[in-house]
Amino acid sequence: MTGDKAYSSRVNRQALRGKRIRTTIPEPNDQIANRKRRGSHGGRPPAFGPGAYRHRNQVERDFNRRKHWRGLATRFDKLGVNYQATLDLVEILDWLRAVPDEHDPRDRT
């Protein structure tokens, strides 16, 4: 799981660790300073993989594209089947937008 600096609290990390979920959450500067100020009692810094953290951006952009669909973002559908159908439609439309168009406008055939 990758997370924002806002989710780096000790409580959040312990809850995720208790569920055996590996995290990649950067440590905010104030937490780093507090840990260093406490010296050996401050503990070790949490593990952080910058390479894995870069992929977080892709996931966030994906969620932001979903938010543009009002019916999906507010979940007006009463049945899960209808919600899943809406989600599938949004995925297909996003995929179609991402696929490059092979049509050459100069081609007159």
Protein backbone atom coordinates (compact mmCIF):
# COMPACT_ATOMS: atom_id res chain seq x y z
CA MET A 1 0.00 0.00 0.00
CA THR A 2 1.31 3.42 -0.89
CA GLY A 3 0.14 6.42 1.00
CA ASP A 4 0.43 10.15 1.35
CA LYS A 5 2.51 11.78 4.10
CA ALA A 6 -0.75 12.57 5.88
CA TYR A 7 -1.23 8.86 6.63
CA SER A 8 2.18 8.26 8.18
CA SER A 9 1.10 8.38 11.83
CA ARG A 10 2.23 5.66 14.19
CA VAL A 11 -1.36 4.49 14.71
CA ASN A 12 -1.95 4.05 10.96
CA ARG A 13 1.34 2.21 10.51
CA GLN A 14 0.61 -0.12 13.44
CA ALA A 15 -2.89 -0.89 12.15
CA LEU A 16 -1.54 -1.78 8.71
CA ARG A 17 1.32 -3.78 10.18
CA GLY A 18 -1.20 -5.69 12.31
CA LYS A 19 -2.99 -6.71 9.12
CA ARG A 20 0.34 -7.66 7.49
CA ILE A 21 0.05 -4.92 4.88
CA ARG A 22 3.38 -3.61 3.62
CA THR A 23 3.43 0.15 3.23
CA THR A 24 5.34 2.76 1.30
CA ILE A 25 4.55 6.01 3.08
CA PRO A 26 7.10 8.84 3.28
CA GLU A 27 7.87 10.23 6.71
CA PRO A 28 7.05 13.95 7.15
CA ASN A 29 9.88 16.28 8.13
CA ASP A 30 8.43 16.99 11.58
CA GLN A 31 8.27 13.27 12.40
CA ILE A 32 11.86 12.83 11.24
CA ALA A 33 12.95 15.71 13.47
CA ASN A 34 11.03 14.33 16.48
CA ARG A 35 12.52 10.86 15.98
CA LYS A 36 16.04 12.27 15.74
CA ARG A 37 15.48 14.52 18.74
CA ARG A 38 14.60 11.48 20.87
CA GLY A 39 17.86 9.82 19.89
CA SER A 40 18.03 6.06 20.46
CA HIS A 41 14.52 6.13 21.99
CA GLY A 42 13.10 7.51 18.76
CA GLY A 43 13.30 4.15 17.01
CA ARG A 44 14.32 3.34 13.48
CA PRO A 45 12.95 5.15 10.48
CA PRO A 46 10.14 3.28 8.71
CA ALA A 47 11.01 1.50 5.47
CA PHE A 48 10.38 3.58 2.37
CA GLY A 49 10.84 2.64 -1.28
CA PRO A 50 11.01 5.67 -3.57
CA GLY A 51 10.59 3.52 -6.67
CA ALA A 52 7.34 2.03 -5.42
CA TYR A 53 6.16 5.45 -4.26
CA ARG A 54 6.40 6.83 -7.81
CA HIS A 55 3.65 4.44 -8.93
CA ARG A 56 1.30 6.08 -6.45
CA ASN A 57 0.90 8.97 -8.89
CA GLN A 58 -0.57 6.65 -11.51
CA VAL A 59 -3.13 5.31 -9.06
CA GLU A 60 -4.12 8.81 -7.93
CA ARG A 61 -4.60 9.98 -11.50
CA ASP A 62 -6.76 6.93 -12.13
CA PHE A 63 -9.00 7.77 -9.16
CA ASN A 64 -9.23 11.40 -10.27
CA ARG A 65 -10.45 10.30 -13.70
CA ARG A 66 -13.19 8.28 -11.99
CA LYS A 67 -14.30 11.32 -9.99
CA HIS A 68 -15.24 13.09 -13.21
CA TRP A 69 -18.12 10.66 -13.58
CA ARG A 70 -20.66 12.14 -11.20
CA GLY A 71 -22.89 9.06 -11.04
CA LEU A 72 -19.90 6.92 -10.20
CA ALA A 73 -18.42 9.35 -7.69
CA THR A 74 -21.69 9.85 -5.78
CA ARG A 75 -22.92 6.28 -6.30
CA PHE A 76 -26.55 6.92 -7.12
CA ASP A 77 -27.10 3.28 -8.11
CA LYS A 78 -29.02 1.20 -5.60
CA LEU A 79 -27.85 -2.21 -6.79
CA GLY A 80 -24.26 -3.38 -6.88
CA VAL A 81 -24.82 -4.85 -10.34
CA ASN A 82 -25.76 -1.43 -11.73
CA TYR A 83 -22.78 0.20 -10.04
CA GLN A 84 -20.46 -2.44 -11.51
CA ALA A 85 -21.94 -1.87 -14.97
CA THR A 86 -21.31 1.87 -14.63
CA LEU A 87 -17.77 1.22 -13.48
CA ASP A 88 -17.17 -1.13 -16.42
CA LEU A 89 -18.49 1.49 -18.85
CA VAL A 90 -16.22 4.15 -17.38
CA GLU A 91 -13.23 1.80 -17.64
CA ILE A 92 -14.00 1.05 -21.29
CA LEU A 93 -14.42 4.72 -22.18
CA ASP A 94 -11.17 5.65 -20.41
CA TRP A 95 -9.38 2.83 -22.19
CA LEU A 96 -10.73 3.98 -25.56
CA ARG A 97 -9.48 7.50 -24.88
CA ALA A 98 -6.03 6.16 -24.01
CA VAL A 99 -5.68 3.99 -27.12
CA PRO A 100 -4.08 6.01 -29.93
CA ASP A 101 -6.17 6.47 -33.04
CA GLU A 102 -4.59 4.66 -35.98
CA HIS A 103 -6.53 6.69 -38.54
CA ASP A 104 -4.42 9.04 -40.66
CA PRO A 105 -6.44 12.17 -41.55
CA ARG A 106 -4.46 12.56 -44.82
CA ASP A 107 -5.61 9.13 -45.98
CA ARG A 108 -8.53 9.60 -48.47
CA THR A 109 -9.41 5.92 -48.87
